[in-house]
């Protein structure tokens, strides 16, 4: 025959098991706190995922790629003898050689500037044998990026850098690109 350990309160012969009301309340409160914590973590995770998704797949990501490619391509063809940066560092003019050129002086220039929140590069030929733009030939203007808040150019030695800030609502980070002027 099995015997059960009787607790002191079992004088009536009835075995009572279960939770008290206080234990139930504590358990419900703990479960609610745990559920709310998991909910906050999931909401924060979704917010940060959306921000990262916008950075990777948003329009600023495409513009960043275009700016880096164009800036690098022009800088690699540019002469290290002459580079003009505006006093507020928001515009840059590089003088470069047309592909296959045998000239001793660059034959084209590229002017990077921002206008109405857009970054442009303007290409124009130079007068033969000079550093002066040929105004008889139309310029070619190329849109590189939209939703640009600010751009800063700098030089150090033969290196040229661009620091590009996109508007805040795109969730984009500042973009920095540095290239070396190789010619001469």
C-alpha atoms as a PDB file:
ATOM      1  CA  UNK A   1       0.000   0.000   0.000  1.00  0.00           C
ATOM      2  CA  UNK A   2       1.264   3.425  -0.986  1.00  0.00           C
ATOM      3  CA  UNK A   3       1.490   6.081   1.604  1.00  0.00           C
ATOM      4  CA  UNK A   4       1.558   9.748   0.862  1.00  0.00           C
ATOM      5  CA  UNK A   5       3.418  12.321   2.810  1.00  0.00           C
ATOM      6  CA  UNK A   6       0.754  14.325   4.492  1.00  0.00           C
ATOM      7  CA  UNK A   7       1.237  18.009   4.922  1.00  0.00           C
ATOM      8  CA  UNK A   8       0.404  19.595   8.265  1.00  0.00           C
ATOM      9  CA  UNK A   9      -2.695  21.395   6.904  1.00  0.00           C
ATOM     10  CA  UNK A  10      -4.291  18.112   5.811  1.00  0.00           C
ATOM     11  CA  UNK A  11      -6.024  17.401   9.082  1.00  0.00           C
ATOM     12  CA  UNK A  12      -9.290  17.019   7.304  1.00  0.00           C
ATOM     13  CA  UNK A  13      -7.867  14.246   5.147  1.00  0.00           C
ATOM     14  CA  UNK A  14      -8.200  16.204   1.899  1.00  0.00           C
ATOM     15  CA  UNK A  15      -5.022  16.688  -0.134  1.00  0.00           C
ATOM     16  CA  UNK A  16      -4.897  20.183  -1.691  1.00  0.00           C
ATOM     17  CA  UNK A  17      -2.647  20.906  -4.660  1.00  0.00           C
ATOM     18  CA  UNK A  18      -2.434  23.868  -7.069  1.00  0.00           C
ATOM     19  CA  UNK A  19      -1.419  27.484  -7.119  1.00  0.00           C
ATOM     20  CA  UNK A  20      -2.477  30.243  -4.847  1.00  0.00           C
ATOM     21  CA  UNK A  21      -4.042  33.388  -6.236  1.00  0.00           C
ATOM     22  CA  UNK A  22      -0.827  35.318  -5.588  1.00  0.00           C
ATOM     23  CA  UNK A  23       1.262  32.763  -7.507  1.00  0.00           C
ATOM     24  CA  UNK A  24      -1.150  32.958 -10.439  1.00  0.00           C
ATOM     25  CA  UNK A  25      -0.977  36.776 -10.514  1.00  0.00           C
ATOM     26  CA  UNK A  26       2.832  36.729 -10.475  1.00  0.00           C
ATOM     27  CA  UNK A  27       2.886  34.168 -13.303  1.00  0.00           C
ATOM     28  CA  UNK A  28       0.488  36.220 -15.446  1.00  0.00           C
ATOM     29  CA  UNK A  29       2.487  39.402 -14.866  1.00  0.00           C
ATOM     30  CA  UNK A  30       5.759  37.623 -15.763  1.00  0.00           C
ATOM     31  CA  UNK A  31       4.196  36.228 -18.956  1.00  0.00           C
ATOM     32  CA  UNK A  32       2.874  39.694 -19.896  1.00  0.00           C
ATOM     33  CA  UNK A  33       6.293  41.305 -19.364  1.00  0.00           C
ATOM     34  CA  UNK A  34       7.964  38.579 -21.432  1.00  0.00           C
ATOM     35  CA  UNK A  35       5.398  38.945 -24.243  1.00  0.00           C
ATOM     36  CA  UNK A  36       5.790  42.731 -24.287  1.00  0.00           C
ATOM     37  CA  UNK A  37       9.595  42.413 -24.383  1.00  0.00           C
ATOM     38  CA  UNK A  38       9.442  40.062 -27.349  1.00  0.00           C
ATOM     39  CA  UNK A  39       6.993  42.438 -29.081  1.00  0.00           C
ATOM     40  CA  UNK A  40       9.334  45.413 -28.588  1.00  0.00           C
ATOM     41  CA  UNK A  41      12.286  43.409 -29.910  1.00  0.00           C
ATOM     42  CA  UNK A  42      10.335  42.368 -32.996  1.00  0.00           C
ATOM     43  CA  UNK A  43       9.152  45.950 -33.662  1.00  0.00           C
ATOM     44  CA  UNK A  44      12.693  47.328 -33.315  1.00  0.00           C
ATOM     45  CA  UNK A  45      14.038  44.575 -35.535  1.00  0.00           C
ATOM     46  CA  UNK A  46      11.492  45.413 -38.225  1.00  0.00           C
ATOM     47  CA  UNK A  47      12.324  49.127 -38.019  1.00  0.00           C
ATOM     48  CA  UNK A  48      16.056  48.483 -38.404  1.00  0.00           C
ATOM     49  CA  UNK A  49      15.452  45.969 -41.183  1.00  0.00           C
ATOM     50  CA  UNK A  50      13.398  48.549 -43.104  1.00  0.00           C
ATOM     51  CA  UNK A  51      16.146  51.160 -42.658  1.00  0.00           C
ATOM     52  CA  UNK A  52      18.824  48.742 -43.877  1.00  0.00           C
ATOM     53  CA  UNK A  53      16.659  47.625 -46.806  1.00  0.00           C
ATOM     54  CA  UNK A  54      16.223  51.267 -47.858  1.00  0.00           C
ATOM     55  CA  UNK A  55      19.974  51.871 -47.637  1.00  0.00           C
ATOM     56  CA  UNK A  56      20.790  48.828 -49.731  1.00  0.00           C
ATOM     57  CA  UNK A  57      17.970  48.955 -52.289  1.00  0.00           C
ATOM     58  CA  UNK A  58      16.889  52.607 -52.258  1.00  0.00           C
ATOM     59  CA  UNK A  59      17.596  55.194 -54.928  1.00  0.00           C
ATOM     60  CA  UNK A  60      20.594  56.537 -53.019  1.00  0.00           C
ATOM     61  CA  UNK A  61      22.346  53.153 -53.320  1.00  0.00           C
ATOM     62  CA  UNK A  62      22.108  53.299 -57.113  1.00  0.00           C
ATOM     63  CA  UNK A  63      23.176  56.935 -57.155  1.00  0.00           C
ATOM     64  CA  UNK A  64      26.144  56.111 -54.919  1.00  0.00           C
ATOM     65  CA  UNK A  65      27.345  53.501 -57.417  1.00  0.00           C
ATOM     66  CA  UNK A  66      26.945  55.900 -60.360  1.00  0.00           C
ATOM     67  CA  UNK A  67      28.794  58.733 -58.578  1.00  0.00           C
ATOM     68  CA  UNK A  68      31.689  56.483 -57.577  1.00  0.00           C
ATOM     69  CA  UNK A  69      32.087  55.040 -61.059  1.00  0.00           C
ATOM     70  CA  UNK A  70      31.947  58.409 -62.850  1.00  0.00           C
ATOM     71  CA  UNK A  71      34.183  60.192 -60.332  1.00  0.00           C
ATOM     72  CA  UNK A  72      36.792  57.433 -60.403  1.00  0.00           C
ATOM     73  CA  UNK A  73      36.801  57.203 -64.219  1.00  0.00           C
ATOM     74  CA  UNK A  74      37.319  60.944 -64.675  1.00  0.00           C
ATOM     75  CA  UNK A  75      39.940  61.253 -61.919  1.00  0.00           C
ATOM     76  CA  UNK A  76      42.024  58.430 -63.375  1.00  0.00           C
ATOM     77  CA  UNK A  77      42.218  60.293 -66.709  1.00  0.00           C
ATOM     78  CA  UNK A  78      42.818  63.696 -65.078  1.00  0.00           C
ATOM     79  CA  UNK A  79      46.012  65.704 -65.065  1.00  0.00           C
ATOM     80  CA  UNK A  80      47.617  66.258 -61.681  1.00  0.00           C
ATOM     81  CA  UNK A  81      48.863  69.685 -62.859  1.00  0.00           C
ATOM     82  CA  UNK A  82      45.546  71.512 -62.506  1.00  0.00           C
ATOM     83  CA  UNK A  83      42.473  70.996 -60.361  1.00  0.00           C
ATOM     84  CA  UNK A  84      40.097  73.759 -59.268  1.00  0.00           C
ATOM     85  CA  UNK A  85      37.902  73.564 -56.159  1.00  0.00           C
ATOM     86  CA  UNK A  86      35.456  76.367 -55.354  1.00  0.00           C
ATOM     87  CA  UNK A  87      36.055  78.353 -52.126  1.00  0.00           C
ATOM     88  CA  UNK A  88      33.150  76.577 -50.372  1.00  0.00           C
ATOM     89  CA  UNK A  89      34.394  73.146 -51.598  1.00  0.00           C
ATOM     90  CA  UNK A  90      31.084  72.438 -53.357  1.00  0.00           C
ATOM     91  CA  UNK A  91      32.373  72.448 -56.964  1.00  0.00           C
ATOM     92  CA  UNK A  92      35.292  70.698 -58.636  1.00  0.00           C
ATOM     93  CA  UNK A  93      36.848  71.116 -62.077  1.00  0.00           C
ATOM     94  CA  UNK A  94      39.228  68.472 -63.389  1.00  0.00           C
ATOM     95  CA  UNK A  95      41.166  68.675 -66.639  1.00  0.00           C
ATOM     96  CA  UNK A  96      41.605  65.339 -68.358  1.00  0.00           C
ATOM     97  CA  UNK A  97      42.717  63.627 -71.531  1.00  0.00           C
ATOM     98  CA  UNK A  98      40.315  62.149 -74.031  1.00  0.00           C
ATOM     99  CA  UNK A  99      40.887  58.416 -74.422  1.00  0.00           C
ATOM    100  CA  UNK A 100      43.683  57.836 -76.956  1.00  0.00           C
ATOM    101  CA  UNK A 101      44.821  61.471 -76.862  1.00  0.00           C
ATOM    102  CA  UNK A 102      48.508  62.230 -77.505  1.00  0.00           C
ATOM    103  CA  UNK A 103      48.244  65.892 -76.532  1.00  0.00           C
ATOM    104  CA  UNK A 104      50.675  67.362 -73.992  1.00  0.00           C
ATOM    105  CA  UNK A 105      47.875  69.396 -72.387  1.00  0.00           C
ATOM    106  CA  UNK A 106      44.505  67.925 -71.417  1.00  0.00           C
ATOM    107  CA  UNK A 107      41.837  68.323 -74.081  1.00  0.00           C
ATOM    108  CA  UNK A 108      38.662  68.135 -71.928  1.00  0.00           C
ATOM    109  CA  UNK A 109      37.431  69.218 -68.549  1.00  0.00           C
ATOM    110  CA  UNK A 110      34.795  67.945 -66.150  1.00  0.00           C
ATOM    111  CA  UNK A 111      32.971  70.238 -63.760  1.00  0.00           C
ATOM    112  CA  UNK A 112      31.175  68.592 -60.801  1.00  0.00           C
ATOM    113  CA  UNK A 113      28.514  70.709 -59.086  1.00  0.00           C
ATOM    114  CA  UNK A 114      25.241  70.499 -57.186  1.00  0.00           C
ATOM    115  CA  UNK A 115      22.050  72.225 -58.333  1.00  0.00           C
ATOM    116  CA  UNK A 116      18.562  71.892 -56.806  1.00  0.00           C
ATOM    117  CA  UNK A 117      19.499  68.788 -54.831  1.00  0.00           C
ATOM    118  CA  UNK A 118      21.049  67.029 -57.819  1.00  0.00           C
ATOM    119  CA  UNK A 119      24.715  66.303 -58.519  1.00  0.00           C
ATOM    120  CA  UNK A 120      25.813  66.947 -62.098  1.00  0.00           C
ATOM    121  CA  UNK A 121      29.018  66.612 -64.063  1.00  0.00           C
ATOM    122  CA  UNK A 122      29.495  68.842 -67.088  1.00  0.00           C
ATOM    123  CA  UNK A 123      31.976  67.864 -69.819  1.00  0.00           C
ATOM    124  CA  UNK A 124      33.401  70.284 -72.350  1.00  0.00           C
ATOM    125  CA  UNK A 125      36.339  70.358 -74.760  1.00  0.00           C
ATOM    126  CA  UNK A 126      39.248  72.721 -74.204  1.00  0.00           C
ATOM    127  CA  UNK A 127      40.714  74.954 -76.881  1.00  0.00           C
ATOM    128  CA  UNK A 128      43.593  73.138 -78.531  1.00  0.00           C
ATOM    129  CA  UNK A 129      46.827  73.456 -76.571  1.00  0.00           C
ATOM    130  CA  UNK A 130      45.279  75.594 -73.781  1.00  0.00           C
ATOM    131  CA  UNK A 131      43.526  75.216 -70.444  1.00  0.00           C
ATOM    132  CA  UNK A 132      40.638  77.403 -71.674  1.00  0.00           C
ATOM    133  CA  UNK A 133      37.146  75.926 -72.323  1.00  0.00           C
ATOM    134  CA  UNK A 134      36.017  75.938 -75.961  1.00  0.00           C
ATOM    135  CA  UNK A 135      32.723  77.844 -75.780  1.00  0.00           C
ATOM    136  CA  UNK A 136      31.923  77.152 -79.434  1.00  0.00           C
ATOM    137  CA  UNK A 137      31.138  73.535 -78.535  1.00  0.00           C
ATOM    138  CA  UNK A 138      28.135  72.630 -76.399  1.00  0.00           C
ATOM    139  CA  UNK A 139      28.662  71.066 -72.992  1.00  0.00           C
ATOM    140  CA  UNK A 140      27.498  67.618 -72.117  1.00  0.00           C
ATOM    141  CA  UNK A 141      25.699  67.574 -68.782  1.00  0.00           C
ATOM    142  CA  UNK A 142      25.159  64.285 -66.941  1.00  0.00           C
ATOM    143  CA  UNK A 143      22.979  63.786 -63.862  1.00  0.00           C
ATOM    144  CA  UNK A 144      24.867  61.609 -61.376  1.00  0.00           C
ATOM    145  CA  UNK A 145      22.661  61.650 -58.257  1.00  0.00           C
ATOM    146  CA  UNK A 146      19.351  62.973 -56.960  1.00  0.00           C
ATOM    147  CA  UNK A 147      18.213  63.897 -53.448  1.00  0.00           C
ATOM    148  CA  UNK A 148      21.657  65.269 -52.603  1.00  0.00           C
ATOM    149  CA  UNK A 149      21.822  67.564 -49.616  1.00  0.00           C
ATOM    150  CA  UNK A 150      25.476  68.589 -49.762  1.00  0.00           C
ATOM    151  CA  UNK A 151      28.743  67.774 -51.522  1.00  0.00           C
ATOM    152  CA  UNK A 152      32.312  68.562 -50.449  1.00  0.00           C
ATOM    153  CA  UNK A 153      35.464  68.165 -52.542  1.00  0.00           C
ATOM    154  CA  UNK A 154      39.052  68.121 -51.309  1.00  0.00           C
ATOM    155  CA  UNK A 155      42.529  67.351 -52.604  1.00  0.00           C
ATOM    156  CA  UNK A 156      45.677  66.055 -51.031  1.00  0.00           C
ATOM    157  CA  UNK A 157      48.630  65.643 -53.332  1.00  0.00           C
ATOM    158  CA  UNK A 158      47.343  63.989 -56.488  1.00  0.00           C
ATOM    159  CA  UNK A 159      44.313  62.478 -54.737  1.00  0.00           C
ATOM    160  CA  UNK A 160      40.865  64.031 -55.074  1.00  0.00           C
ATOM    161  CA  UNK A 161      38.011  63.197 -52.687  1.00  0.00           C
ATOM    162  CA  UNK A 162      34.273  63.668 -52.801  1.00  0.00           C
ATOM    163  CA  UNK A 163      32.049  63.525 -49.724  1.00  0.00           C
ATOM    164  CA  UNK A 164      28.388  63.315 -50.642  1.00  0.00           C
ATOM    165  CA  UNK A 165      25.487  63.726 -48.207  1.00  0.00           C
ATOM    166  CA  UNK A 166      22.061  62.497 -49.271  1.00  0.00           C
ATOM    167  CA  UNK A 167      18.820  63.934 -47.892  1.00  0.00           C
ATOM    168  CA  UNK A 168      17.799  62.446 -44.542  1.00  0.00           C
ATOM    169  CA  UNK A 169      14.522  60.810 -45.618  1.00  0.00           C
ATOM    170  CA  UNK A 170      16.359  58.323 -47.859  1.00  0.00           C
ATOM    171  CA  UNK A 171      18.109  56.784 -44.854  1.00  0.00           C
ATOM    172  CA  UNK A 172      21.402  56.927 -46.709  1.00  0.00           C
ATOM    173  CA  UNK A 173      24.786  57.348 -45.113  1.00  0.00           C
ATOM    174  CA  UNK A 174      27.367  59.863 -46.348  1.00  0.00           C
ATOM    175  CA  UNK A 175      29.339  58.593 -49.328  1.00  0.00           C
ATOM    176  CA  UNK A 176      33.068  59.128 -49.648  1.00  0.00           C
ATOM    177  CA  UNK A 177      35.161  58.364 -52.699  1.00  0.00           C
ATOM    178  CA  UNK A 178      38.810  59.123 -53.335  1.00  0.00           C
ATOM    179  CA  UNK A 179      40.686  58.706 -56.609  1.00  0.00           C
ATOM    180  CA  UNK A 180      44.186  59.534 -57.766  1.00  0.00           C
ATOM    181  CA  UNK A 181      44.905  61.705 -60.790  1.00  0.00           C
ATOM    182  CA  UNK A 182      47.425  59.613 -62.771  1.00  0.00           C
ATOM    183  CA  UNK A 183      48.482  61.680 -65.746  1.00  0.00           C
ATOM    184  CA  UNK A 184      51.779  63.592 -66.117  1.00  0.00           C
END
